[in-house]
N, C-alpha and C. Protein backbone atom coordinates (compact mmCIF):
# COMPACT_ATOMS: atom_id res chain seq x y z
N UNK A 1 0.85 -1.17 0.00
CA UNK A 1 0.00 0.00 0.00
C UNK A 1 0.89 1.24 0.00
N UNK A 2 0.60 2.16 -0.87
CA UNK A 2 1.38 3.39 -0.97
C UNK A 2 0.66 4.51 -0.24
N UNK A 3 1.39 5.23 0.59
CA UNK A 3 0.84 6.36 1.31
C UNK A 3 1.36 7.62 0.64
N UNK A 4 0.45 8.52 0.31
CA UNK A 4 0.81 9.76 -0.35
C UNK A 4 0.81 10.89 0.66
N UNK A 5 1.87 11.67 0.66
CA UNK A 5 1.93 12.84 1.55
C UNK A 5 1.04 13.93 0.98
N UNK A 6 0.26 14.55 1.83
CA UNK A 6 -0.61 15.64 1.39
C UNK A 6 0.11 16.97 1.58
N UNK A 7 0.09 17.76 0.56
CA UNK A 7 0.70 19.08 0.65
C UNK A 7 -0.35 20.09 1.10
N UNK A 8 0.12 21.30 1.41
CA UNK A 8 -0.80 22.38 1.78
C UNK A 8 -1.84 22.60 0.69
N UNK A 9 -1.41 22.56 -0.57
CA UNK A 9 -2.35 22.82 -1.66
C UNK A 9 -3.38 21.71 -1.79
N UNK A 10 -3.00 20.48 -1.49
CA UNK A 10 -3.98 19.39 -1.52
C UNK A 10 -5.07 19.60 -0.47
N UNK A 11 -4.65 20.01 0.71
CA UNK A 11 -5.59 20.16 1.82
C UNK A 11 -6.50 21.37 1.64
N UNK A 12 -5.96 22.45 1.10
CA UNK A 12 -6.73 23.69 1.01
C UNK A 12 -7.30 23.96 -0.37
N UNK A 13 -6.75 23.31 -1.39
CA UNK A 13 -7.16 23.60 -2.76
C UNK A 13 -6.43 24.80 -3.34
N UNK A 14 -5.52 25.37 -2.56
CA UNK A 14 -4.77 26.54 -3.02
C UNK A 14 -3.64 26.11 -3.95
N UNK A 15 -3.20 27.03 -4.77
CA UNK A 15 -2.10 26.75 -5.70
C UNK A 15 -0.78 27.34 -5.25
N UNK A 16 -0.82 28.12 -4.17
CA UNK A 16 0.43 28.67 -3.61
C UNK A 16 0.41 28.50 -2.10
N UNK A 17 1.61 28.50 -1.52
CA UNK A 17 1.72 28.40 -0.06
C UNK A 17 1.09 29.62 0.61
N UNK A 18 1.22 30.79 -0.01
CA UNK A 18 0.64 32.00 0.56
C UNK A 18 -0.88 31.89 0.64
N UNK A 19 -1.47 31.41 -0.45
CA UNK A 19 -2.93 31.24 -0.45
C UNK A 19 -3.35 30.19 0.57
N UNK A 20 -2.58 29.13 0.70
CA UNK A 20 -2.89 28.08 1.67
C UNK A 20 -2.87 28.65 3.09
N UNK A 21 -1.93 29.55 3.37
CA UNK A 21 -1.84 30.18 4.68
C UNK A 21 -3.07 31.04 4.95
N UNK A 22 -3.48 31.80 3.95
CA UNK A 22 -4.69 32.63 4.09
C UNK A 22 -5.91 31.75 4.33
N UNK A 23 -6.02 30.69 3.57
CA UNK A 23 -7.17 29.77 3.70
C UNK A 23 -7.18 29.13 5.08
N UNK A 24 -6.03 28.67 5.55
CA UNK A 24 -5.97 28.07 6.89
C UNK A 24 -6.44 29.04 7.96
N UNK A 25 -5.98 30.28 7.89
CA UNK A 25 -6.40 31.29 8.87
C UNK A 25 -7.89 31.57 8.80
N UNK A 26 -8.39 31.69 7.58
CA UNK A 26 -9.83 31.95 7.41
C UNK A 26 -10.65 30.77 7.89
N UNK A 27 -10.19 29.57 7.66
CA UNK A 27 -10.92 28.39 8.13
C UNK A 27 -10.96 28.32 9.64
N UNK A 28 -9.86 28.72 10.29
CA UNK A 28 -9.86 28.76 11.75
C UNK A 28 -10.91 29.75 12.25
N UNK A 29 -11.01 30.89 11.59
CA UNK A 29 -12.01 31.91 11.96
C UNK A 29 -13.42 31.37 11.75
N UNK A 30 -13.64 30.69 10.62
CA UNK A 30 -14.96 30.10 10.35
C UNK A 30 -15.30 29.06 11.41
N UNK A 31 -14.33 28.23 11.79
CA UNK A 31 -14.59 27.23 12.83
C UNK A 31 -14.99 27.90 14.14
N UNK A 32 -14.31 29.00 14.48
CA UNK A 32 -14.65 29.73 15.71
C UNK A 32 -16.05 30.34 15.59
N UNK A 33 -16.37 30.91 14.44
CA UNK A 33 -17.71 31.47 14.23
C UNK A 33 -18.77 30.37 14.31
N UNK A 34 -18.50 29.22 13.70
CA UNK A 34 -19.46 28.11 13.77
C UNK A 34 -19.71 27.68 15.20
N UNK A 35 -18.65 27.63 16.01
CA UNK A 35 -18.82 27.28 17.42
C UNK A 35 -19.73 28.27 18.12
N UNK A 36 -19.54 29.56 17.84
CA UNK A 36 -20.40 30.59 18.43
C UNK A 36 -21.84 30.45 17.95
N UNK A 37 -22.02 30.20 16.64
CA UNK A 37 -23.36 30.05 16.08
C UNK A 37 -24.07 28.87 16.73
N UNK A 38 -23.37 27.75 16.88
CA UNK A 38 -23.97 26.57 17.51
C UNK A 38 -24.39 26.90 18.93
N UNK A 39 -23.55 27.60 19.67
CA UNK A 39 -23.89 28.00 21.04
C UNK A 39 -25.11 28.90 21.08
N UNK A 40 -25.19 29.84 20.14
CA UNK A 40 -26.34 30.74 20.09
C UNK A 40 -27.62 30.00 19.73
N UNK A 41 -27.52 29.04 18.83
CA UNK A 41 -28.71 28.25 18.46
C UNK A 41 -29.17 27.45 19.67
N UNK A 42 -28.24 26.87 20.40
CA UNK A 42 -28.62 26.12 21.60
C UNK A 42 -29.27 27.04 22.63
N UNK A 43 -28.74 28.24 22.78
CA UNK A 43 -29.33 29.21 23.71
C UNK A 43 -30.73 29.59 23.24
N UNK A 44 -30.89 29.80 21.93
CA UNK A 44 -32.21 30.15 21.36
C UNK A 44 -33.22 29.03 21.64
N UNK A 45 -32.78 27.78 21.49
CA UNK A 45 -33.66 26.65 21.74
C UNK A 45 -34.12 26.63 23.20
N UNK A 46 -33.21 26.93 24.12
CA UNK A 46 -33.56 26.93 25.55
C UNK A 46 -34.55 28.04 25.87
N UNK A 47 -34.33 29.23 25.31
CA UNK A 47 -35.25 30.35 25.55
C UNK A 47 -36.61 30.05 24.95
N UNK A 48 -36.63 29.45 23.77
CA UNK A 48 -37.89 29.09 23.14
C UNK A 48 -38.67 28.09 23.99
N UNK A 49 -37.96 27.16 24.61
CA UNK A 49 -38.62 26.18 25.48
C UNK A 49 -39.29 26.87 26.67
N UNK A 50 -38.65 27.89 27.22
CA UNK A 50 -39.24 28.65 28.33
C UNK A 50 -40.53 29.32 27.85
N UNK A 51 -40.49 29.93 26.68
CA UNK A 51 -41.67 30.60 26.13
C UNK A 51 -42.80 29.60 25.90
N UNK A 52 -42.46 28.46 25.30
CA UNK A 52 -43.49 27.45 25.03
C UNK A 52 -44.10 26.93 26.33
N UNK A 53 -43.28 26.67 27.32
CA UNK A 53 -43.79 26.17 28.60
C UNK A 53 -44.75 27.18 29.24
N UNK A 54 -44.38 28.47 29.19
CA UNK A 54 -45.23 29.51 29.77
C UNK A 54 -46.53 29.62 28.99
N UNK A 55 -46.45 29.54 27.68
CA UNK A 55 -47.66 29.65 26.86
C UNK A 55 -48.60 28.47 27.12
N UNK A 56 -48.05 27.27 27.16
CA UNK A 56 -48.87 26.08 27.40
C UNK A 56 -49.46 26.10 28.81
N UNK A 57 -48.65 26.49 29.81
CA UNK A 57 -49.13 26.54 31.19
C UNK A 57 -50.28 27.53 31.35
N UNK A 58 -50.32 28.55 30.49
CA UNK A 58 -51.39 29.55 30.58
C UNK A 58 -52.61 29.15 29.76
N UNK A 59 -52.54 27.96 29.16
CA UNK A 59 -53.67 27.48 28.37
C UNK A 59 -53.56 27.80 26.89
N UNK A 60 -52.43 28.34 26.49
CA UNK A 60 -52.23 28.68 25.08
C UNK A 60 -51.67 27.51 24.29
N UNK A 61 -51.46 27.77 23.02
CA UNK A 61 -50.90 26.76 22.12
C UNK A 61 -49.39 26.77 22.20
N UNK A 62 -48.79 25.68 21.83
CA UNK A 62 -47.33 25.55 21.87
C UNK A 62 -46.66 26.51 20.90
N UNK A 63 -47.30 26.77 19.76
CA UNK A 63 -46.70 27.58 18.70
C UNK A 63 -47.55 28.81 18.44
N UNK A 64 -46.88 29.93 18.22
CA UNK A 64 -47.55 31.18 17.85
C UNK A 64 -47.17 31.47 16.40
N UNK A 65 -48.05 31.12 15.46
CA UNK A 65 -47.73 31.22 14.05
C UNK A 65 -47.49 32.65 13.58
N UNK A 66 -48.18 33.62 14.15
CA UNK A 66 -47.94 35.00 13.73
C UNK A 66 -46.53 35.44 14.13
N UNK A 67 -46.07 35.01 15.29
CA UNK A 67 -44.70 35.33 15.71
C UNK A 67 -43.69 34.64 14.79
N UNK A 68 -43.95 33.39 14.44
CA UNK A 68 -43.05 32.68 13.54
C UNK A 68 -42.98 33.37 12.18
N UNK A 69 -44.11 33.87 11.73
CA UNK A 69 -44.13 34.58 10.45
C UNK A 69 -43.27 35.84 10.53
N UNK A 70 -43.32 36.56 11.65
CA UNK A 70 -42.47 37.73 11.84
C UNK A 70 -40.99 37.35 11.73
N UNK A 71 -40.64 36.23 12.31
CA UNK A 71 -39.25 35.77 12.28
C UNK A 71 -38.84 35.43 10.84
N UNK A 72 -39.71 34.75 10.12
CA UNK A 72 -39.42 34.41 8.72
C UNK A 72 -39.18 35.66 7.88
N UNK A 73 -40.02 36.65 8.05
CA UNK A 73 -39.88 37.91 7.30
C UNK A 73 -38.58 38.61 7.68
N UNK A 74 -38.28 38.63 8.97
CA UNK A 74 -37.04 39.28 9.44
C UNK A 74 -35.81 38.66 8.81
N UNK A 75 -35.74 37.35 8.79
CA UNK A 75 -34.59 36.67 8.21
C UNK A 75 -34.55 36.84 6.70
N UNK A 76 -35.70 36.78 6.05
CA UNK A 76 -35.74 36.98 4.60
C UNK A 76 -35.28 38.38 4.23
N UNK A 77 -35.76 39.37 4.98
CA UNK A 77 -35.36 40.75 4.71
C UNK A 77 -33.87 40.96 4.91
N UNK A 78 -33.30 40.31 5.90
CA UNK A 78 -31.88 40.49 6.19
C UNK A 78 -30.97 39.67 5.29
N UNK A 79 -31.42 38.47 4.88
CA UNK A 79 -30.53 37.54 4.20
C UNK A 79 -31.03 37.07 2.83
N UNK A 80 -32.17 37.57 2.40
CA UNK A 80 -32.74 37.11 1.13
C UNK A 80 -33.44 35.77 1.30
N UNK A 81 -33.76 35.17 0.19
CA UNK A 81 -34.51 33.91 0.21
C UNK A 81 -33.86 32.82 1.07
N UNK A 82 -32.52 32.65 1.02
CA UNK A 82 -31.93 31.63 1.89
C UNK A 82 -32.16 31.91 3.38
N UNK A 83 -32.39 33.18 3.73
CA UNK A 83 -32.69 33.52 5.11
C UNK A 83 -33.96 32.87 5.60
N UNK A 84 -34.93 32.72 4.69
CA UNK A 84 -36.18 32.05 5.05
C UNK A 84 -35.91 30.60 5.42
N UNK A 85 -35.06 29.94 4.65
CA UNK A 85 -34.71 28.55 4.94
C UNK A 85 -33.99 28.44 6.28
N UNK A 86 -33.09 29.37 6.53
CA UNK A 86 -32.38 29.38 7.81
C UNK A 86 -33.35 29.59 8.96
N UNK A 87 -34.27 30.52 8.81
CA UNK A 87 -35.27 30.78 9.86
C UNK A 87 -36.14 29.55 10.09
N UNK A 88 -36.54 28.88 9.02
CA UNK A 88 -37.36 27.67 9.17
C UNK A 88 -36.59 26.60 9.95
N UNK A 89 -35.31 26.48 9.68
CA UNK A 89 -34.49 25.51 10.41
C UNK A 89 -34.39 25.88 11.88
N UNK A 90 -34.17 27.16 12.16
CA UNK A 90 -34.11 27.60 13.57
C UNK A 90 -35.43 27.36 14.28
N UNK A 91 -36.53 27.67 13.59
CA UNK A 91 -37.84 27.44 14.20
C UNK A 91 -38.07 25.97 14.45
N UNK A 92 -37.70 25.13 13.52
CA UNK A 92 -37.88 23.68 13.69
C UNK A 92 -37.04 23.18 14.87
N UNK A 93 -35.81 23.64 14.97
CA UNK A 93 -34.96 23.24 16.08
C UNK A 93 -35.54 23.72 17.42
N UNK A 94 -36.15 24.88 17.40
CA UNK A 94 -36.64 25.49 18.64
C UNK A 94 -37.99 24.97 19.09
N UNK A 95 -38.80 24.48 18.17
CA UNK A 95 -40.12 24.03 18.58
C UNK A 95 -40.51 22.68 18.01
N UNK A 96 -39.71 22.11 17.18
CA UNK A 96 -40.06 20.85 16.55
C UNK A 96 -41.02 21.08 15.40
N UNK A 97 -41.29 20.05 14.69
CA UNK A 97 -42.22 20.17 13.55
C UNK A 97 -43.63 20.38 14.05
N UNK A 98 -44.40 21.22 13.29
CA UNK A 98 -45.80 21.42 13.67
C UNK A 98 -46.69 20.75 12.65
C-alpha cells in the first residue's frame, strides 16, 4: 500500500503556499464562528422552550404562528430567500415540527 503525503495545496485547494496560509487562517475563523453560532442556536432553543412552557401553562398553544411569520420575514429581509430557509431551520430546532 502506498501512502501519499498531502501538501498544503492538496488540503486547502490553493495553488500557492501564501494562499494556503490565508485559507488556513480563514478556516480557523470560520470554525470559531461556527462554534459561536452553535452555542447561540442552543441558547435560542432553551429560551424558546421557556416561552413554550409559559404559553402552554397559561392554556395557550405551543406555537404562535404569527410570531413565527415575523421571524421568517425578518430573516428573509436580512438575508434574502436563503434567510427564510435558515429561519425555518431555527424554528424547527426550537419548537419541533408542527
